[in-house]
N, C-alpha and C. Protein backbone atom coordinates (compact mmCIF):
# COMPACT_ATOMS: atom_id res chain seq x y z
N GLU A 1 14.48 96.83 1.04
CA GLU A 1 13.68 97.58 1.96
C GLU A 1 12.42 96.35 1.90
N THR A 2 11.82 96.26 3.21
CA THR A 2 10.51 95.70 3.55
C THR A 2 9.35 96.45 2.76
N LEU A 3 8.64 95.53 1.88
CA LEU A 3 7.41 96.10 1.43
C LEU A 3 6.11 95.32 2.23
N GLY A 4 6.10 94.29 2.15
CA GLY A 4 4.82 93.48 2.52
C GLY A 4 3.46 93.75 1.66
N ALA A 5 3.81 93.65 0.49
CA ALA A 5 2.66 94.09 -0.53
C ALA A 5 2.16 92.75 -1.00
N ASP A 6 1.00 92.40 -0.51
CA ASP A 6 0.10 91.17 -0.77
C ASP A 6 -0.54 91.06 -2.09
N PHE A 7 -0.07 90.55 -2.73
CA PHE A 7 -0.99 90.27 -4.32
C PHE A 7 -1.90 89.14 -4.29
N GLY A 8 -2.16 88.63 -3.16
CA GLY A 8 -3.33 87.40 -3.18
C GLY A 8 -2.49 86.08 -3.08
N GLY A 9 -1.90 85.71 -4.14
CA GLY A 9 -1.32 84.36 -4.19
C GLY A 9 0.22 84.54 -3.80
N ALA A 10 0.57 85.82 -3.69
CA ALA A 10 2.10 85.90 -3.43
C ALA A 10 2.29 87.14 -2.80
N ARG A 11 3.30 87.21 -1.86
CA ARG A 11 3.44 88.64 -1.12
C ARG A 11 4.93 89.05 -1.38
N LEU A 12 4.96 90.24 -2.04
CA LEU A 12 6.18 90.80 -2.33
C LEU A 12 6.98 91.30 -1.21
N ARG A 13 7.75 90.49 -0.46
CA ARG A 13 8.09 91.09 1.13
C ARG A 13 9.15 92.12 0.91
N ALA A 14 10.10 92.05 0.00
CA ALA A 14 10.95 92.99 -0.02
C ALA A 14 11.52 93.21 -1.71
N ALA A 15 12.00 94.56 -1.74
CA ALA A 15 12.37 94.65 -3.15
C ALA A 15 13.32 95.81 -3.28
N GLU A 16 14.48 96.16 -4.01
CA GLU A 16 15.13 97.20 -4.34
C GLU A 16 15.69 97.09 -5.67
N TRP A 17 16.03 98.26 -6.28
CA TRP A 17 16.74 98.60 -7.74
C TRP A 17 17.99 99.13 -7.27
N TRP A 18 18.84 99.06 -8.37
CA TRP A 18 20.12 100.11 -8.32
C TRP A 18 20.76 99.93 -9.85
N PRO A 19 21.33 100.91 -10.15
CA PRO A 19 21.66 101.50 -11.45
C PRO A 19 22.84 100.32 -11.69
N THR A 20 23.04 99.88 -13.03
CA THR A 20 24.25 98.94 -13.60
C THR A 20 24.43 99.86 -14.72
N ALA A 21 25.67 99.33 -15.25
CA ALA A 21 26.30 99.88 -16.58
C ALA A 21 25.23 99.60 -17.95
N GLU A 22 24.60 98.90 -17.81
CA GLU A 22 23.46 98.86 -18.94
C GLU A 22 22.16 99.41 -18.37
N GLY A 23 21.88 99.38 -17.32
CA GLY A 23 20.38 100.11 -17.09
C GLY A 23 20.31 99.74 -15.38
N ALA A 24 19.54 99.07 -15.23
CA ALA A 24 19.04 98.79 -14.01
C ALA A 24 18.66 97.43 -13.57
N ARG A 25 19.17 97.08 -12.19
CA ARG A 25 18.99 95.54 -11.86
C ARG A 25 17.99 95.67 -10.50
N VAL A 26 16.92 94.76 -10.52
CA VAL A 26 15.74 94.77 -9.67
C VAL A 26 15.82 93.54 -9.02
N ARG A 27 15.84 93.64 -7.48
CA ARG A 27 15.87 92.68 -6.94
C ARG A 27 14.48 92.43 -6.20
N LEU A 28 13.71 91.23 -6.17
CA LEU A 28 12.48 90.88 -5.79
C LEU A 28 12.61 89.75 -4.83
N ILE A 29 11.77 89.89 -3.53
CA ILE A 29 11.81 88.72 -2.66
C ILE A 29 10.50 88.50 -2.29
N TRP A 30 9.94 87.33 -3.00
CA TRP A 30 8.48 86.97 -2.88
C TRP A 30 8.27 85.92 -1.75
N ASP A 31 7.38 85.88 -1.11
CA ASP A 31 6.78 85.04 -0.07
C ASP A 31 5.77 83.99 -0.72
N ALA A 32 5.98 83.05 -0.95
CA ALA A 32 4.87 81.95 -1.70
C ALA A 32 3.49 81.75 -0.79
N LYS A 33 2.53 81.57 -1.16
CA LYS A 33 1.21 81.17 -0.68
C LYS A 33 1.01 79.92 -1.08
N GLY A 34 1.64 79.48 -2.07
CA GLY A 34 1.35 78.41 -2.82
C GLY A 34 1.47 78.39 -4.41
N PRO A 35 1.35 77.48 -5.31
CA PRO A 35 1.66 77.77 -6.70
C PRO A 35 0.54 78.66 -7.32
N LEU A 36 1.47 79.70 -8.27
CA LEU A 36 0.75 80.51 -8.92
C LEU A 36 0.06 80.13 -10.08
N SER A 37 -0.86 80.41 -10.78
CA SER A 37 -1.35 79.88 -12.18
C SER A 37 0.11 80.18 -13.16
N PRO A 38 0.00 79.50 -14.22
CA PRO A 38 1.11 79.51 -15.19
C PRO A 38 0.67 80.86 -16.16
N ASP A 39 -0.48 81.21 -15.88
CA ASP A 39 -0.96 82.60 -16.84
C ASP A 39 -0.11 83.87 -15.88
N THR A 40 0.07 83.73 -14.72
CA THR A 40 0.75 84.84 -13.82
C THR A 40 1.87 85.24 -14.41
N SER A 41 2.07 86.49 -14.48
CA SER A 41 3.34 87.49 -15.11
C SER A 41 3.55 88.61 -13.92
N ALA A 42 4.90 88.56 -13.90
CA ALA A 42 5.27 89.74 -13.15
C ALA A 42 5.59 90.86 -14.33
N PHE A 43 5.21 92.26 -13.79
CA PHE A 43 6.04 93.46 -14.65
C PHE A 43 6.77 94.15 -14.02
N VAL A 44 7.79 95.01 -14.32
CA VAL A 44 8.67 95.62 -13.88
C VAL A 44 8.80 96.73 -14.75
N HIS A 45 8.46 97.92 -14.24
CA HIS A 45 8.21 99.13 -15.33
C HIS A 45 9.30 99.97 -14.77
N VAL A 46 10.07 100.72 -15.55
CA VAL A 46 11.11 101.45 -15.21
C VAL A 46 10.50 103.14 -15.72
N VAL A 47 10.43 103.89 -14.86
CA VAL A 47 9.69 105.33 -15.27
C VAL A 47 10.82 106.40 -15.01
N GLY A 48 10.62 107.37 -16.09
CA GLY A 48 11.49 108.24 -16.15
C GLY A 48 10.85 109.74 -16.26
N SER A 49 11.49 110.65 -16.19
CA SER A 49 10.60 112.09 -15.99
C SER A 49 9.61 112.06 -17.13
N GLY A 50 9.90 111.44 -18.41
CA GLY A 50 8.92 111.39 -19.18
C GLY A 50 7.94 110.18 -19.38
N GLY A 51 8.21 109.55 -18.62
CA GLY A 51 7.12 108.23 -18.97
C GLY A 51 7.99 106.95 -18.63
N LEU A 52 7.39 105.76 -19.18
CA LEU A 52 7.78 104.51 -19.47
C LEU A 52 9.28 104.72 -20.11
N VAL A 53 10.53 104.40 -19.45
CA VAL A 53 11.61 104.29 -20.13
C VAL A 53 12.07 102.87 -20.31
N GLY A 54 11.60 101.56 -19.77
CA GLY A 54 11.96 100.46 -19.77
C GLY A 54 10.80 99.50 -19.13
N GLN A 55 10.97 98.12 -19.25
CA GLN A 55 10.06 97.38 -19.13
C GLN A 55 10.66 95.89 -19.23
N LEU A 56 10.40 95.00 -18.36
CA LEU A 56 10.51 93.57 -18.57
C LEU A 56 9.39 92.87 -17.75
N ASP A 57 8.78 92.07 -18.55
CA ASP A 57 7.75 91.09 -17.92
C ASP A 57 8.10 89.72 -18.08
N GLY A 58 7.75 88.87 -17.24
CA GLY A 58 7.97 87.54 -17.35
C GLY A 58 7.48 86.95 -16.08
N PRO A 59 7.46 85.57 -16.07
CA PRO A 59 7.03 84.69 -14.79
C PRO A 59 7.72 85.08 -13.70
N PRO A 60 6.93 85.12 -12.37
CA PRO A 60 7.66 85.66 -11.34
C PRO A 60 8.59 84.34 -11.06
N GLY A 61 10.10 84.63 -10.40
CA GLY A 61 10.78 83.58 -10.00
C GLY A 61 11.28 82.69 -11.21
N GLU A 62 11.55 83.08 -12.30
CA GLU A 62 11.95 82.46 -13.49
C GLU A 62 12.83 81.32 -13.30
N VAL A 63 13.72 81.51 -12.32
CA VAL A 63 14.65 80.50 -11.75
C VAL A 63 13.81 79.18 -11.45
N TYR A 64 12.75 79.65 -10.50
CA TYR A 64 11.99 78.72 -9.67
C TYR A 64 10.69 79.02 -10.18
N PRO A 65 10.10 78.49 -11.28
CA PRO A 65 8.66 78.80 -11.45
C PRO A 65 7.59 78.88 -10.70
N ALA A 66 6.84 80.01 -10.66
CA ALA A 66 5.95 80.22 -9.77
C ALA A 66 4.53 79.06 -9.82
N ARG A 67 4.56 78.23 -10.63
CA ARG A 67 3.48 77.26 -10.66
C ARG A 67 4.00 76.14 -10.14
N LEU A 68 5.30 76.06 -9.40
CA LEU A 68 6.07 74.90 -8.57
C LEU A 68 6.09 75.48 -7.17
N TRP A 69 5.74 76.79 -6.80
CA TRP A 69 5.67 77.35 -5.37
C TRP A 69 4.84 76.46 -4.87
N ARG A 70 5.44 76.49 -3.27
CA ARG A 70 4.68 76.00 -2.18
C ARG A 70 4.58 76.78 -1.17
N ALA A 71 3.67 76.81 -0.30
CA ALA A 71 3.36 77.72 0.68
C ALA A 71 4.55 77.88 1.49
N GLY A 72 5.03 79.18 1.89
CA GLY A 72 6.32 79.19 2.62
C GLY A 72 7.42 79.27 1.94
N ASP A 73 7.56 79.15 0.98
CA ASP A 73 8.75 79.42 0.04
C ASP A 73 9.04 80.66 0.12
N THR A 74 10.29 81.18 -0.10
CA THR A 74 10.66 82.43 -0.17
C THR A 74 11.63 82.17 -1.44
N VAL A 75 11.36 83.28 -2.62
CA VAL A 75 11.83 83.36 -3.83
C VAL A 75 12.33 84.72 -4.05
N VAL A 76 13.82 84.18 -4.40
CA VAL A 76 14.59 85.72 -4.66
C VAL A 76 14.57 85.74 -6.56
N ASP A 77 14.14 86.68 -6.96
CA ASP A 77 13.97 87.10 -8.38
C ASP A 77 14.70 88.46 -8.65
N GLU A 78 15.63 88.05 -9.45
CA GLU A 78 16.54 89.31 -10.00
C GLU A 78 16.29 89.38 -11.41
N ARG A 79 16.10 90.57 -12.02
CA ARG A 79 15.93 90.88 -13.04
C ARG A 79 16.80 91.94 -13.96
N ASP A 80 17.36 92.00 -14.88
CA ASP A 80 17.99 93.13 -15.38
C ASP A 80 17.63 93.65 -16.38
N ILE A 81 17.19 95.16 -16.40
CA ILE A 81 16.46 95.87 -17.47
C ILE A 81 17.49 96.86 -18.19
N ALA A 82 17.60 96.33 -19.56
CA ALA A 82 18.55 97.32 -20.14
C ALA A 82 17.87 98.72 -20.57
N LEU A 83 18.61 99.81 -20.51
CA LEU A 83 18.08 101.34 -20.59
C LEU A 83 19.01 102.17 -21.61
N PRO A 84 18.52 103.01 -22.07
CA PRO A 84 19.44 103.86 -23.14
C PRO A 84 20.31 104.54 -22.19
N PRO A 85 21.52 104.76 -22.67
CA PRO A 85 22.64 105.45 -21.91
C PRO A 85 22.01 106.91 -21.33
N GLY A 86 22.34 107.16 -20.20
CA GLY A 86 21.98 108.35 -19.71
C GLY A 86 20.53 108.53 -19.15
N THR A 87 19.84 107.55 -19.21
CA THR A 87 18.45 107.57 -18.84
C THR A 87 18.19 107.80 -17.52
N GLY A 88 17.36 108.62 -16.99
CA GLY A 88 17.05 108.99 -15.73
C GLY A 88 15.92 108.26 -15.27
N VAL A 89 16.07 107.53 -14.14
CA VAL A 89 15.09 106.80 -13.56
C VAL A 89 14.32 107.65 -12.05
N SER A 90 13.09 107.88 -12.60
CA SER A 90 12.41 108.16 -11.19
C SER A 90 11.80 107.35 -10.32
N GLU A 91 11.39 106.26 -10.88
CA GLU A 91 10.73 105.16 -9.90
C GLU A 91 10.80 103.72 -10.83
N VAL A 92 10.58 102.75 -9.85
CA VAL A 92 10.52 101.38 -10.65
C VAL A 92 9.21 100.81 -9.98
N ARG A 93 8.32 100.38 -10.90
CA ARG A 93 7.13 99.78 -10.46
C ARG A 93 7.15 98.16 -10.82
N VAL A 94 6.36 97.43 -9.74
CA VAL A 94 6.38 96.04 -9.83
C VAL A 94 5.01 95.64 -9.49
N GLY A 95 4.41 94.70 -10.49
CA GLY A 95 2.89 94.20 -9.91
C GLY A 95 3.01 92.78 -10.75
N LEU A 96 1.69 92.12 -10.54
CA LEU A 96 1.54 90.98 -11.31
C LEU A 96 0.13 90.94 -12.16
N TYR A 97 0.18 90.42 -13.06
CA TYR A 97 -1.18 90.25 -13.90
C TYR A 97 -1.22 88.95 -14.57
N ASP A 98 -2.60 88.89 -14.96
CA ASP A 98 -2.99 87.52 -15.98
C ASP A 98 -2.33 87.84 -17.35
N VAL A 99 -1.65 87.07 -17.88
CA VAL A 99 -1.25 87.18 -19.27
C VAL A 99 -2.35 87.01 -20.33
N LYS A 100 -3.47 86.18 -20.19
CA LYS A 100 -4.51 85.95 -21.04
C LYS A 100 -5.34 86.97 -20.92
N THR A 101 -5.82 87.54 -19.65
CA THR A 101 -6.66 88.87 -19.64
C THR A 101 -6.12 90.17 -19.40
N LEU A 102 -5.04 90.34 -19.33
CA LEU A 102 -4.07 91.62 -18.81
C LEU A 102 -4.69 92.19 -17.74
N GLN A 103 -5.29 91.34 -16.98
CA GLN A 103 -5.89 91.92 -15.52
C GLN A 103 -4.74 92.06 -14.58
N ARG A 104 -4.56 93.32 -14.23
CA ARG A 104 -3.57 93.17 -13.14
C ARG A 104 -4.46 92.69 -11.70
N GLN A 105 -3.31 92.26 -10.70
CA GLN A 105 -3.78 91.67 -9.58
C GLN A 105 -3.47 93.06 -8.59
N ARG A 106 -4.55 93.26 -7.82
CA ARG A 106 -4.59 94.35 -6.85
C ARG A 106 -4.18 94.00 -5.54
N LEU A 107 -3.66 95.28 -4.87
CA LEU A 107 -3.61 95.12 -3.37
C LEU A 107 -4.53 95.55 -2.79
N ALA A 108 -4.52 95.42 -1.49
CA ALA A 108 -5.53 95.61 -0.33
C ALA A 108 -6.02 97.18 -0.70
N SER A 109 -5.16 97.97 -0.81
CA SER A 109 -5.36 99.67 -1.18
C SER A 109 -5.86 99.93 -2.24
N GLY A 110 -6.04 98.78 -3.11
CA GLY A 110 -6.49 99.23 -4.90
C GLY A 110 -5.49 99.37 -5.61
N ALA A 111 -4.31 99.52 -5.39
CA ALA A 111 -3.32 99.78 -6.25
C ALA A 111 -3.01 98.54 -6.88
N ASP A 112 -2.54 98.78 -8.19
CA ASP A 112 -2.32 97.48 -9.03
C ASP A 112 -0.51 97.48 -9.09
N TYR A 113 0.17 98.12 -8.62
CA TYR A 113 1.52 97.88 -8.42
C TYR A 113 2.21 98.41 -7.10
N VAL A 114 3.49 98.34 -6.81
CA VAL A 114 4.37 98.76 -5.74
C VAL A 114 5.47 99.40 -6.41
N VAL A 115 5.80 100.76 -5.85
CA VAL A 115 6.98 101.18 -5.99
C VAL A 115 8.32 100.60 -5.24
N VAL A 116 9.40 100.32 -6.25
CA VAL A 116 10.46 99.57 -5.61
C VAL A 116 11.35 100.86 -5.07
N PRO A 117 11.97 100.80 -3.85
CA PRO A 117 12.86 101.88 -3.42
C PRO A 117 14.26 101.48 -4.25
N ARG A 118 14.98 102.56 -4.29
CA ARG A 118 16.38 102.58 -4.88
C ARG A 118 17.05 101.90 -3.47
N GLY A 119 17.99 100.97 -3.83
CA GLY A 119 18.73 100.27 -2.84
C GLY A 119 20.13 100.39 -3.17
N SER A 120 20.90 99.81 -2.21
CA SER A 120 22.49 99.89 -2.47
C SER A 120 22.96 98.92 -3.55
N GLY A 121 22.45 97.71 -3.41
CA GLY A 121 22.52 96.49 -4.43
C GLY A 121 23.64 96.01 -4.29
N SER A 122 23.80 95.07 -4.64
CA SER A 122 25.31 94.25 -4.87
C SER A 122 25.07 93.27 -6.18
N GLU A 123 26.01 93.11 -7.05
CA GLU A 123 26.20 92.38 -8.19
C GLU A 123 26.22 90.91 -7.67
């Protein structure tokens, strides 16, 4: 699903998540505006009815490190998040932050994450 969430140095063009046998898979499609600081990390938080039930933090585009991104690059970033069996998922949230300061990057709206829609997904 198209999002167009602009985090400053990168734009999350589209994202979706779907359940897997082990938890959830999240697909993020980033549009690069140029290289990101090596201190930039992405977070994916899986939220259930009782709060946070799973998370995975790491550099955006682990296969193609964000410090090497060039303006105009499109980067597909897939992440598998393990969840306990039977865990219900209310929403999946994605954002960027600085690993040294823990400061989250903000969107123009002031929010520091976007909610990723559930998709049909494919392995």
